[in-house]
Amino acid sequence: VLWEHGLLFDVTELKEAEARVAHLAYH
């Protein structure tokens, strides 16, 4: 690796939404 370039996205809301959907699927 000579150098590295990247992006760090905040996906907290997405993960919380996924958790809610998963919870609703089983609760």
mmCIF file of all heavy atoms, coordinates in Angstrom:
data_MODEL
# 
_entry.id   MODEL 
# 
loop_
_atom_site.group_PDB 
_atom_site.id 
_atom_site.type_symbol 
_atom_site.label_atom_id 
_atom_site.label_alt_id 
_atom_site.label_comp_id 
_atom_site.label_asym_id 
_atom_site.label_entity_id 
_atom_site.label_seq_id 
_atom_site.pdbx_PDB_ins_code 
_atom_site.Cartn_x 
_atom_site.Cartn_y 
_atom_site.Cartn_z 
_atom_site.occupancy 
_atom_site.B_iso_or_equiv 
_atom_site.pdbx_formal_charge 
_atom_site.auth_seq_id 
_atom_site.auth_comp_id 
_atom_site.auth_asym_id 
_atom_site.auth_atom_id 
_atom_site.pdbx_PDB_model_num 
ATOM 1   N N   . VAL A 1 1  ? 0.841   -1.204  0.000  1.00 0.00 ? 1  VAL A N   1 
ATOM 2   C CA  . VAL A 1 1  ? 0.000   0.000   0.000  1.00 0.00 ? 1  VAL A CA  1 
ATOM 3   C C   . VAL A 1 1  ? 0.868   1.243   0.000  1.00 0.00 ? 1  VAL A C   1 
ATOM 4   O O   . VAL A 1 1  ? 1.717   1.431   0.876  1.00 0.00 ? 1  VAL A O   1 
ATOM 5   C CB  . VAL A 1 1  ? -0.931  0.009   1.233  1.00 0.00 ? 1  VAL A CB  1 
ATOM 6   C CG1 . VAL A 1 1  ? -1.717  1.314   1.294  1.00 0.00 ? 1  VAL A CG1 1 
ATOM 7   C CG2 . VAL A 1 1  ? -1.891  -1.174  1.197  1.00 0.00 ? 1  VAL A CG2 1 
ATOM 8   N N   . LEU A 1 2  ? 0.684   2.070   -1.022 1.00 0.00 ? 2  LEU A N   1 
ATOM 9   C CA  . LEU A 1 2  ? 1.367   3.364   -1.075 1.00 0.00 ? 2  LEU A CA  1 
ATOM 10  C C   . LEU A 1 2  ? 0.581   4.391   -0.282 1.00 0.00 ? 2  LEU A C   1 
ATOM 11  O O   . LEU A 1 2  ? 1.147   5.159   0.491  1.00 0.00 ? 2  LEU A O   1 
ATOM 12  C CB  . LEU A 1 2  ? 1.525   3.817   -2.529 1.00 0.00 ? 2  LEU A CB  1 
ATOM 13  C CG  . LEU A 1 2  ? 2.393   2.913   -3.414 1.00 0.00 ? 2  LEU A CG  1 
ATOM 14  C CD1 . LEU A 1 2  ? 2.356   3.397   -4.857 1.00 0.00 ? 2  LEU A CD1 1 
ATOM 15  C CD2 . LEU A 1 2  ? 3.825   2.891   -2.892 1.00 0.00 ? 2  LEU A CD2 1 
ATOM 16  N N   . TRP A 1 3  ? -0.686  4.424   -0.502 1.00 0.00 ? 3  TRP A N   1 
ATOM 17  C CA  . TRP A 1 3  ? -1.563  5.255   0.303  1.00 0.00 ? 3  TRP A CA  1 
ATOM 18  C C   . TRP A 1 3  ? -2.989  4.754   0.170  1.00 0.00 ? 3  TRP A C   1 
ATOM 19  O O   . TRP A 1 3  ? -3.316  4.003   -0.746 1.00 0.00 ? 3  TRP A O   1 
ATOM 20  C CB  . TRP A 1 3  ? -1.453  6.732   -0.045 1.00 0.00 ? 3  TRP A CB  1 
ATOM 21  C CG  . TRP A 1 3  ? -1.766  7.116   -1.450 1.00 0.00 ? 3  TRP A CG  1 
ATOM 22  C CD1 . TRP A 1 3  ? -0.970  7.001   -2.529 1.00 0.00 ? 3  TRP A CD1 1 
ATOM 23  C CD2 . TRP A 1 3  ? -2.996  7.695   -1.931 1.00 0.00 ? 3  TRP A CD2 1 
ATOM 24  N NE1 . TRP A 1 3  ? -1.593  7.468   -3.651 1.00 0.00 ? 3  TRP A NE1 1 
ATOM 25  C CE2 . TRP A 1 3  ? -2.839  7.901   -3.316 1.00 0.00 ? 3  TRP A CE2 1 
ATOM 26  C CE3 . TRP A 1 3  ? -4.190  8.053   -1.326 1.00 0.00 ? 3  TRP A CE3 1 
ATOM 27  C CZ2 . TRP A 1 3  ? -3.834  8.440   -4.107 1.00 0.00 ? 3  TRP A CZ2 1 
ATOM 28  C CZ3 . TRP A 1 3  ? -5.188  8.606   -2.122 1.00 0.00 ? 3  TRP A CZ3 1 
ATOM 29  C CH2 . TRP A 1 3  ? -4.995  8.789   -3.491 1.00 0.00 ? 3  TRP A CH2 1 
ATOM 30  N N   . GLU A 1 4  ? -3.805  5.164   1.103  1.00 0.00 ? 4  GLU A N   1 
ATOM 31  C CA  . GLU A 1 4  ? -5.170  4.673   1.215  1.00 0.00 ? 4  GLU A CA  1 
ATOM 32  C C   . GLU A 1 4  ? -6.117  5.852   1.343  1.00 0.00 ? 4  GLU A C   1 
ATOM 33  O O   . GLU A 1 4  ? -5.817  6.824   2.018  1.00 0.00 ? 4  GLU A O   1 
ATOM 34  C CB  . GLU A 1 4  ? -5.277  3.765   2.450  1.00 0.00 ? 4  GLU A CB  1 
ATOM 35  C CG  . GLU A 1 4  ? -6.650  3.192   2.715  1.00 0.00 ? 4  GLU A CG  1 
ATOM 36  C CD  . GLU A 1 4  ? -6.675  2.414   4.016  1.00 0.00 ? 4  GLU A CD  1 
ATOM 37  O OE1 . GLU A 1 4  ? -5.595  2.056   4.536  1.00 0.00 ? 4  GLU A OE1 1 
ATOM 38  O OE2 . GLU A 1 4  ? -7.787  2.185   4.535  1.00 0.00 ? 4  GLU A OE2 1 
ATOM 39  N N   . HIS A 1 5  ? -7.225  5.741   0.664  1.00 0.00 ? 5  HIS A N   1 
ATOM 40  C CA  . HIS A 1 5  ? -8.240  6.794   0.682  1.00 0.00 ? 5  HIS A CA  1 
ATOM 41  C C   . HIS A 1 5  ? -9.566  6.136   1.027  1.00 0.00 ? 5  HIS A C   1 
ATOM 42  O O   . HIS A 1 5  ? -9.853  5.030   0.553  1.00 0.00 ? 5  HIS A O   1 
ATOM 43  C CB  . HIS A 1 5  ? -8.312  7.462   -0.691 1.00 0.00 ? 5  HIS A CB  1 
ATOM 44  C CG  . HIS A 1 5  ? -9.224  8.649   -0.751 1.00 0.00 ? 5  HIS A CG  1 
ATOM 45  N ND1 . HIS A 1 5  ? -8.932  9.835   -0.144 1.00 0.00 ? 5  HIS A ND1 1 
ATOM 46  C CD2 . HIS A 1 5  ? -10.429 8.812   -1.344 1.00 0.00 ? 5  HIS A CD2 1 
ATOM 47  C CE1 . HIS A 1 5  ? -9.918  10.700  -0.373 1.00 0.00 ? 5  HIS A CE1 1 
ATOM 48  N NE2 . HIS A 1 5  ? -10.833 10.090  -1.099 1.00 0.00 ? 5  HIS A NE2 1 
ATOM 49  N N   . GLY A 1 6  ? -10.368 6.763   1.873  1.00 0.00 ? 6  GLY A N   1 
ATOM 50  C CA  . GLY A 1 6  ? -11.601 6.105   2.264  1.00 0.00 ? 6  GLY A CA  1 
ATOM 51  C C   . GLY A 1 6  ? -12.689 7.040   2.730  1.00 0.00 ? 6  GLY A C   1 
ATOM 52  O O   . GLY A 1 6  ? -12.479 8.247   2.914  1.00 0.00 ? 6  GLY A O   1 
ATOM 53  N N   . LEU A 1 7  ? -13.859 6.461   2.902  1.00 0.00 ? 7  LEU A N   1 
ATOM 54  C CA  . LEU A 1 7  ? -15.039 7.178   3.379  1.00 0.00 ? 7  LEU A CA  1 
ATOM 55  C C   . LEU A 1 7  ? -15.610 6.422   4.571  1.00 0.00 ? 7  LEU A C   1 
ATOM 56  O O   . LEU A 1 7  ? -15.712 5.189   4.548  1.00 0.00 ? 7  LEU A O   1 
ATOM 57  C CB  . LEU A 1 7  ? -16.106 7.258   2.286  1.00 0.00 ? 7  LEU A CB  1 
ATOM 58  C CG  . LEU A 1 7  ? -15.762 8.081   1.038  1.00 0.00 ? 7  LEU A CG  1 
ATOM 59  C CD1 . LEU A 1 7  ? -16.793 7.823   -0.053 1.00 0.00 ? 7  LEU A CD1 1 
ATOM 60  C CD2 . LEU A 1 7  ? -15.719 9.554   1.380  1.00 0.00 ? 7  LEU A CD2 1 
ATOM 61  N N   . LEU A 1 8  ? -15.982 7.175   5.592  1.00 0.00 ? 8  LEU A N   1 
ATOM 62  C CA  . LEU A 1 8  ? -16.568 6.605   6.805  1.00 0.00 ? 8  LEU A CA  1 
ATOM 63  C C   . LEU A 1 8  ? -17.961 7.203   6.953  1.00 0.00 ? 8  LEU A C   1 
ATOM 64  O O   . LEU A 1 8  ? -18.098 8.385   7.259  1.00 0.00 ? 8  LEU A O   1 
ATOM 65  C CB  . LEU A 1 8  ? -15.685 6.940   8.006  1.00 0.00 ? 8  LEU A CB  1 
ATOM 66  C CG  . LEU A 1 8  ? -15.798 6.049   9.239  1.00 0.00 ? 8  LEU A CG  1 
ATOM 67  C CD1 . LEU A 1 8  ? -15.251 4.656   8.927  1.00 0.00 ? 8  LEU A CD1 1 
ATOM 68  C CD2 . LEU A 1 8  ? -15.006 6.656   10.391 1.00 0.00 ? 8  LEU A CD2 1 
ATOM 69  N N   . PHE A 1 9  ? -18.986 6.386   6.711  1.00 0.00 ? 9  PHE A N   1 
ATOM 70  C CA  . PHE A 1 9  ? -20.365 6.854   6.775  1.00 0.00 ? 9  PHE A CA  1 
ATOM 71  C C   . PHE A 1 9  ? -20.971 6.523   8.136  1.00 0.00 ? 9  PHE A C   1 
ATOM 72  O O   . PHE A 1 9  ? -20.734 5.445   8.686  1.00 0.00 ? 9  PHE A O   1 
ATOM 73  C CB  . PHE A 1 9  ? -21.219 6.183   5.693  1.00 0.00 ? 9  PHE A CB  1 
ATOM 74  C CG  . PHE A 1 9  ? -20.801 6.483   4.289  1.00 0.00 ? 9  PHE A CG  1 
ATOM 75  C CD1 . PHE A 1 9  ? -19.901 5.672   3.628  1.00 0.00 ? 9  PHE A CD1 1 
ATOM 76  C CD2 . PHE A 1 9  ? -21.320 7.584   3.624  1.00 0.00 ? 9  PHE A CD2 1 
ATOM 77  C CE1 . PHE A 1 9  ? -19.520 5.938   2.326  1.00 0.00 ? 9  PHE A CE1 1 
ATOM 78  C CE2 . PHE A 1 9  ? -20.944 7.864   2.320  1.00 0.00 ? 9  PHE A CE2 1 
ATOM 79  C CZ  . PHE A 1 9  ? -20.038 7.045   1.664  1.00 0.00 ? 9  PHE A CZ  1 
ATOM 80  N N   . ASP A 1 10 ? -21.785 7.431   8.650  1.00 0.00 ? 10 ASP A N   1 
ATOM 81  C CA  . ASP A 1 10 ? -22.549 7.170   9.864  1.00 0.00 ? 10 ASP A CA  1 
ATOM 82  C C   . ASP A 1 10 ? -23.833 6.446   9.456  1.00 0.00 ? 10 ASP A C   1 
ATOM 83  O O   . ASP A 1 10 ? -24.706 7.022   8.816  1.00 0.00 ? 10 ASP A O   1 
ATOM 84  C CB  . ASP A 1 10 ? -22.884 8.492   10.568 1.00 0.00 ? 10 ASP A CB  1 
ATOM 85  C CG  . ASP A 1 10 ? -23.664 8.297   11.870 1.00 0.00 ? 10 ASP A CG  1 
ATOM 86  O OD1 . ASP A 1 10 ? -24.057 7.152   12.162 1.00 0.00 ? 10 ASP A OD1 1 
ATOM 87  O OD2 . ASP A 1 10 ? -23.870 9.282   12.590 1.00 0.00 ? 10 ASP A OD2 1 
ATOM 88  N N   . VAL A 1 11 ? -23.942 5.160   9.814  1.00 0.00 ? 11 VAL A N   1 
ATOM 89  C CA  . VAL A 1 11 ? -25.115 4.369   9.433  1.00 0.00 ? 11 VAL A CA  1 
ATOM 90  C C   . VAL A 1 11 ? -25.905 3.953   10.681 1.00 0.00 ? 11 VAL A C   1 
ATOM 91  O O   . VAL A 1 11 ? -26.605 2.947   10.671 1.00 0.00 ? 11 VAL A O   1 
ATOM 92  C CB  . VAL A 1 11 ? -24.706 3.130   8.606  1.00 0.00 ? 11 VAL A CB  1 
ATOM 93  C CG1 . VAL A 1 11 ? -24.158 3.539   7.258  1.00 0.00 ? 11 VAL A CG1 1 
ATOM 94  C CG2 . VAL A 1 11 ? -23.695 2.260   9.363  1.00 0.00 ? 11 VAL A CG2 1 
ATOM 95  N N   . THR A 1 12 ? -25.783 4.748   11.748 1.00 0.00 ? 12 THR A N   1 
ATOM 96  C CA  . THR A 1 12 ? -26.470 4.417   12.992 1.00 0.00 ? 12 THR A CA  1 
ATOM 97  C C   . THR A 1 12 ? -27.976 4.342   12.799 1.00 0.00 ? 12 THR A C   1 
ATOM 98  O O   . THR A 1 12 ? -28.633 3.386   13.245 1.00 0.00 ? 12 THR A O   1 
ATOM 99  C CB  . THR A 1 12 ? -26.127 5.458   14.073 1.00 0.00 ? 12 THR A CB  1 
ATOM 100 O OG1 . THR A 1 12 ? -24.708 5.555   14.210 1.00 0.00 ? 12 THR A OG1 1 
ATOM 101 C CG2 . THR A 1 12 ? -26.743 5.068   15.408 1.00 0.00 ? 12 THR A CG2 1 
ATOM 102 N N   . GLU A 1 13 ? -28.550 5.331   12.136 1.00 0.00 ? 13 GLU A N   1 
ATOM 103 C CA  . GLU A 1 13 ? -30.002 5.330   11.928 1.00 0.00 ? 13 GLU A CA  1 
ATOM 104 C C   . GLU A 1 13 ? -30.433 4.132   11.103 1.00 0.00 ? 13 GLU A C   1 
ATOM 105 O O   . GLU A 1 13 ? -31.479 3.519   11.367 1.00 0.00 ? 13 GLU A O   1 
ATOM 106 C CB  . GLU A 1 13 ? -30.440 6.630   11.253 1.00 0.00 ? 13 GLU A CB  1 
ATOM 107 C CG  . GLU A 1 13 ? -30.317 7.863   12.132 1.00 0.00 ? 13 GLU A CG  1 
ATOM 108 C CD  . GLU A 1 13 ? -30.898 9.097   11.469 1.00 0.00 ? 13 GLU A CD  1 
ATOM 109 O OE1 . GLU A 1 13 ? -31.437 8.968   10.347 1.00 0.00 ? 13 GLU A OE1 1 
ATOM 110 O OE2 . GLU A 1 13 ? -30.814 10.191  12.059 1.00 0.00 ? 13 GLU A OE2 1 
ATOM 111 N N   . LEU A 1 14 ? -29.639 3.785   10.091 1.00 0.00 ? 14 LEU A N   1 
ATOM 112 C CA  . LEU A 1 14 ? -29.954 2.618   9.265  1.00 0.00 ? 14 LEU A CA  1 
ATOM 113 C C   . LEU A 1 14 ? -29.926 1.341   10.103 1.00 0.00 ? 14 LEU A C   1 
ATOM 114 O O   . LEU A 1 14 ? -30.836 0.507   10.003 1.00 0.00 ? 14 LEU A O   1 
ATOM 115 C CB  . LEU A 1 14 ? -28.962 2.512   8.114  1.00 0.00 ? 14 LEU A CB  1 
ATOM 116 C CG  . LEU A 1 14 ? -29.071 1.274   7.227  1.00 0.00 ? 14 LEU A CG  1 
ATOM 117 C CD1 . LEU A 1 14 ? -30.432 1.236   6.533  1.00 0.00 ? 14 LEU A CD1 1 
ATOM 118 C CD2 . LEU A 1 14 ? -27.946 1.240   6.204  1.00 0.00 ? 14 LEU A CD2 1 
ATOM 119 N N   . LYS A 1 15 ? -28.902 1.194   10.936 1.00 0.00 ? 15 LYS A N   1 
ATOM 120 C CA  . LYS A 1 15 ? -28.799 -0.003  11.775 1.00 0.00 ? 15 LYS A CA  1 
ATOM 121 C C   . LYS A 1 15 ? -29.944 -0.064  12.775 1.00 0.00 ? 15 LYS A C   1 
ATOM 122 O O   . LYS A 1 15 ? -30.488 -1.150  13.040 1.00 0.00 ? 15 LYS A O   1 
ATOM 123 C CB  . LYS A 1 15 ? -27.455 -0.005  12.504 1.00 0.00 ? 15 LYS A CB  1 
ATOM 124 C CG  . LYS A 1 15 ? -26.258 -0.279  11.606 1.00 0.00 ? 15 LYS A CG  1 
ATOM 125 C CD  . LYS A 1 15 ? -26.309 -1.686  11.055 1.00 0.00 ? 15 LYS A CD  1 
ATOM 126 C CE  . LYS A 1 15 ? -25.107 -1.995  10.203 1.00 0.00 ? 15 LYS A CE  1 
ATOM 127 N NZ  . LYS A 1 15 ? -25.155 -3.388  9.691  1.00 0.00 ? 15 LYS A NZ  1 
ATOM 128 N N   . GLU A 1 16 ? -30.308 1.062   13.332 1.00 0.00 ? 16 GLU A N   1 
ATOM 129 C CA  . GLU A 1 16 ? -31.424 1.082   14.277 1.00 0.00 ? 16 GLU A CA  1 
ATOM 130 C C   . GLU A 1 16 ? -32.732 0.734   13.570 1.00 0.00 ? 16 GLU A C   1 
ATOM 131 O O   . GLU A 1 16 ? -33.582 0.024   14.134 1.00 0.00 ? 16 GLU A O   1 
ATOM 132 C CB  . GLU A 1 16 ? -31.515 2.454   14.936 1.00 0.00 ? 16 GLU A CB  1 
ATOM 133 C CG  . GLU A 1 16 ? -30.364 2.743   15.902 1.00 0.00 ? 16 GLU A CG  1 
ATOM 134 C CD  . GLU A 1 16 ? -30.396 4.152   16.446 1.00 0.00 ? 16 GLU A CD  1 
ATOM 135 O OE1 . GLU A 1 16 ? -31.173 4.976   15.911 1.00 0.00 ? 16 GLU A OE1 1 
ATOM 136 O OE2 . GLU A 1 16 ? -29.648 4.431   17.409 1.00 0.00 ? 16 GLU A OE2 1 
ATOM 137 N N   . ALA A 1 17 ? -32.882 1.222   12.335 1.00 0.00 ? 17 ALA A N   1 
ATOM 138 C CA  . ALA A 1 17 ? -34.090 0.885   11.567 1.00 0.00 ? 17 ALA A CA  1 
ATOM 139 C C   . ALA A 1 17 ? -34.116 -0.607  11.244 1.00 0.00 ? 17 ALA A C   1 
ATOM 140 O O   . ALA A 1 17 ? -35.170 -1.257  11.332 1.00 0.00 ? 17 ALA A O   1 
ATOM 141 C CB  . ALA A 1 17 ? -34.146 1.708   10.281 1.00 0.00 ? 17 ALA A CB  1 
ATOM 142 N N   . GLU A 1 18 ? -32.960 -1.150  10.862 1.00 0.00 ? 18 GLU A N   1 
ATOM 143 C CA  . GLU A 1 18 ? -32.885 -2.583  10.580 1.00 0.00 ? 18 GLU A CA  1 
ATOM 144 C C   . GLU A 1 18 ? -33.223 -3.396  11.831 1.00 0.00 ? 18 GLU A C   1 
ATOM 145 O O   . GLU A 1 18 ? -33.909 -4.424  11.749 1.00 0.00 ? 18 GLU A O   1 
ATOM 146 C CB  . GLU A 1 18 ? -31.490 -2.950  10.081 1.00 0.00 ? 18 GLU A CB  1 
ATOM 147 C CG  . GLU A 1 18 ? -31.178 -2.421  8.687  1.00 0.00 ? 18 GLU A CG  1 
ATOM 148 C CD  . GLU A 1 18 ? -29.748 -2.709  8.281  1.00 0.00 ? 18 GLU A CD  1 
ATOM 149 O OE1 . GLU A 1 18 ? -28.949 -3.130  9.154  1.00 0.00 ? 18 GLU A OE1 1 
ATOM 150 O OE2 . GLU A 1 18 ? -29.419 -2.529  7.087  1.00 0.00 ? 18 GLU A OE2 1 
ATOM 151 N N   . ALA A 1 19 ? -32.722 -2.932  12.975 1.00 0.00 ? 19 ALA A N   1 
ATOM 152 C CA  . ALA A 1 19 ? -33.008 -3.636  14.229 1.00 0.00 ? 19 ALA A CA  1 
ATOM 153 C C   . ALA A 1 19 ? -34.500 -3.593  14.548 1.00 0.00 ? 19 ALA A C   1 
ATOM 154 O O   . ALA A 1 19 ? -35.083 -4.584  15.018 1.00 0.00 ? 19 ALA A O   1 
ATOM 155 C CB  . ALA A 1 19 ? -32.190 -3.028  15.369 1.00 0.00 ? 19 ALA A CB  1 
ATOM 156 N N   . ARG A 1 20 ? -35.117 -2.423  14.268 1.00 0.00 ? 20 ARG A N   1 
ATOM 157 C CA  . ARG A 1 20 ? -36.564 -2.319  14.516 1.00 0.00 ? 20 ARG A CA  1 
ATOM 158 C C   . ARG A 1 20 ? -37.343 -3.255  13.598 1.00 0.00 ? 20 ARG A C   1 
ATOM 159 O O   . ARG A 1 20 ? -38.302 -3.907  14.024 1.00 0.00 ? 20 ARG A O   1 
ATOM 160 C CB  . ARG A 1 20 ? -37.026 -0.868  14.333 1.00 0.00 ? 20 ARG A CB  1 
ATOM 161 C CG  . ARG A 1 20 ? -36.595 0.063   15.451 1.00 0.00 ? 20 ARG A CG  1 
ATOM 162 C CD  . ARG A 1 20 ? -37.337 1.375   15.373 1.00 0.00 ? 20 ARG A CD  1 
ATOM 163 N NE  . ARG A 1 20 ? -37.005 2.130   14.174 1.00 0.00 ? 20 ARG A NE  1 
ATOM 164 C CZ  . ARG A 1 20 ? -36.000 2.997   14.083 1.00 0.00 ? 20 ARG A CZ  1 
ATOM 165 N NH1 . ARG A 1 20 ? -35.226 3.228   15.129 1.00 0.00 ? 20 ARG A NH1 1 
ATOM 166 N NH2 . ARG A 1 20 ? -35.771 3.644   12.957 1.00 0.00 ? 20 ARG A NH2 1 
ATOM 167 N N   . VAL A 1 21 ? -36.923 -3.302  12.334 1.00 0.00 ? 21 VAL A N   1 
ATOM 168 C CA  . VAL A 1 21 ? -37.608 -4.188  11.386 1.00 0.00 ? 21 VAL A CA  1 
ATOM 169 C C   . VAL A 1 21 ? -37.435 -5.640  11.814 1.00 0.00 ? 21 VAL A C   1 
ATOM 170 O O   . VAL A 1 21 ? -38.387 -6.437  11.797 1.00 0.00 ? 21 VAL A O   1 
ATOM 171 C CB  . VAL A 1 21 ? -37.055 -3.973  9.959  1.00 0.00 ? 21 VAL A CB  1 
ATOM 172 C CG1 . VAL A 1 21 ? -37.581 -5.047  9.016  1.00 0.00 ? 21 VAL A CG1 1 
ATOM 173 C CG2 . VAL A 1 21 ? -37.443 -2.592  9.442  1.00 0.00 ? 21 VAL A CG2 1 
ATOM 174 N N   . ALA A 1 22 ? -36.206 -6.006  12.199 1.00 0.00 ? 22 ALA A N   1 
ATOM 175 C CA  . ALA A 1 22 ? -35.949 -7.375  12.646 1.00 0.00 ? 22 ALA A CA  1 
ATOM 176 C C   . ALA A 1 22 ? -36.754 -7.692  13.904 1.00 0.00 ? 22 ALA A C   1 
ATOM 177 O O   . ALA A 1 22 ? -37.286 -8.794  14.057 1.00 0.00 ? 22 ALA A O   1 
ATOM 178 C CB  . ALA A 1 22 ? -34.461 -7.575  12.902 1.00 0.00 ? 22 ALA A CB  1 
ATOM 179 N N   . HIS A 1 23 ? -36.837 -6.712  14.793 1.00 0.00 ? 23 HIS A N   1 
ATOM 180 C CA  . HIS A 1 23 ? -37.605 -6.923  16.028 1.00 0.00 ? 23 HIS A CA  1 
ATOM 181 C C   . HIS A 1 23 ? -39.076 -7.132  15.710 1.00 0.00 ? 23 HIS A C   1 
ATOM 182 O O   . HIS A 1 23 ? -39.732 -8.031  16.264 1.00 0.00 ? 23 HIS A O   1 
ATOM 183 C CB  . HIS A 1 23 ? -37.428 -5.722  16.965 1.00 0.00 ? 23 HIS A CB  1 
ATOM 184 C CG  . HIS A 1 23 ? -38.044 -5.909  18.312 1.00 0.00 ? 23 HIS A CG  1 
ATOM 185 N ND1 . HIS A 1 23 ? -39.367 -5.585  18.584 1.00 0.00 ? 23 HIS A ND1 1 
ATOM 186 C CD2 . HIS A 1 23 ? -37.543 -6.407  19.470 1.00 0.00 ? 23 HIS A CD2 1 
ATOM 187 C CE1 . HIS A 1 23 ? -39.642 -5.871  19.837 1.00 0.00 ? 23 HIS A CE1 1 
ATOM 188 N NE2 . HIS A 1 23 ? -38.554 -6.366  20.414 1.00 0.00 ? 23 HIS A NE2 1 
ATOM 189 N N   . LEU A 1 24 ? -39.603 -6.317  14.794 1.00 0.00 ? 24 LEU A N   1 
ATOM 190 C CA  . LEU A 1 24 ? -41.008 -6.451  14.431 1.00 0.00 ? 24 LEU A CA  1 
ATOM 191 C C   . LEU A 1 24 ? -41.279 -7.782  13.734 1.00 0.00 ? 24 LEU A C   1 
ATOM 192 O O   . LEU A 1 24 ? -42.373 -8.340  13.846 1.00 0.00 ? 24 LEU A O   1 
ATOM 193 C CB  . LEU A 1 24 ? -41.430 -5.293  13.518 1.00 0.00 ? 24 LEU A CB  1 
ATOM 194 C CG  . LEU A 1 24 ? -41.522 -3.915  14.190 1.00 0.00 ? 24 LEU A CG  1 
ATOM 195 C CD1 . LEU A 1 24 ? -41.803 -2.847  13.149 1.00 0.00 ? 24 LEU A CD1 1 
ATOM 196 C CD2 . LEU A 1 24 ? -42.602 -3.915  15.264 1.00 0.00 ? 24 LEU A CD2 1 
ATOM 197 N N   . ALA A 1 25 ? -40.283 -8.299  13.015 1.00 0.00 ? 25 ALA A N   1 
ATOM 198 C CA  . ALA A 1 25 ? -40.463 -9.570  12.317 1.00 0.00 ? 25 ALA A CA  1 
ATOM 199 C C   . ALA A 1 25 ? -40.582 -10.728 13.289 1.00 0.00 ? 25 ALA A C   1 
ATOM 200 O O   . ALA A 1 25 ? -41.176 -11.764 12.966 1.00 0.00 ? 25 ALA A O   1 
ATOM 201 C CB  . ALA A 1 25 ? -39.299 -9.808  11.359 1.00 0.00 ? 25 ALA A CB  1 
ATOM 202 N N   . TYR A 1 26 ? -40.032 -10.575 14.490 1.00 0.00 ? 26 TYR A N   1 
ATOM 203 C CA  . TYR A 1 26 ? -40.012 -11.678 15.454 1.00 0.00 ? 26 TYR A CA  1 
ATOM 204 C C   . TYR A 1 26 ? -40.675 -11.333 16.784 1.00 0.00 ? 26 TYR A C   1 
ATOM 205 O O   . TYR A 1 26 ? -40.601 -12.131 17.714 1.00 0.00 ? 26 TYR A O   1 
ATOM 206 C CB  . TYR A 1 26 ? -38.570 -12.106 15.714 1.00 0.00 ? 26 TYR A CB  1 
ATOM 207 C CG  . TYR A 1 26 ? -37.969 -12.908 14.585 1.00 0.00 ? 26 TYR A CG  1 
ATOM 208 C CD1 . TYR A 1 26 ? -37.143 -12.302 13.648 1.00 0.00 ? 26 TYR A CD1 1 
ATOM 209 C CD2 . TYR A 1 26 ? -38.235 -14.270 14.453 1.00 0.00 ? 26 TYR A CD2 1 
ATOM 210 C CE1 . TYR A 1 26 ? -36.588 -13.037 12.602 1.00 0.00 ? 26 TYR A CE1 1 
ATOM 211 C CE2 . TYR A 1 26 ? -37.686 -15.010 13.419 1.00 0.00 ? 26 TYR A CE2 1 
ATOM 212 C CZ  . TYR A 1 26 ? -36.873 -14.389 12.494 1.00 0.00 ? 26 TYR A CZ  1 
ATOM 213 O OH  . TYR A 1 26 ? -36.333 -15.122 11.469 1.00 0.00 ? 26 TYR A OH  1 
ATOM 214 N N   . HIS A 1 27 ? -41.298 -10.162 16.872 1.00 0.00 ? 27 HIS A N   1 
ATOM 215 C CA  . HIS A 1 27 ? -41.896 -9.762  18.146 1.00 0.00 ? 27 HIS A CA  1 
ATOM 216 C C   . HIS A 1 27 ? -43.287 -9.169  17.929 1.00 0.00 ? 27 HIS A C   1 
ATOM 217 O O   . HIS A 1 27 ? -43.593 -8.625  16.861 1.00 0.00 ? 27 HIS A O   1 
ATOM 218 C CB  . HIS A 1 27 ? -40.996 -8.741  18.861 1.00 0.00 ? 27 HIS A CB  1 
ATOM 219 C CG  . HIS A 1 27 ? -39.716 -9.331  19.354 1.00 0.00 ? 27 HIS A CG  1 
ATOM 220 N ND1 . HIS A 1 27 ? -38.636 -9.525  18.532 1.00 0.00 ? 27 HIS A ND1 1 
ATOM 221 C CD2 . HIS A 1 27 ? -39.347 -9.779  20.590 1.00 0.00 ? 27 HIS A CD2 1 
ATOM 222 C CE1 . HIS A 1 27 ? -37.640 -10.066 19.227 1.00 0.00 ? 27 HIS A CE1 1 
ATOM 223 N NE2 . HIS A 1 27 ? -38.054 -10.236 20.471 1.00 0.00 ? 27 HIS A NE2 1 
# 
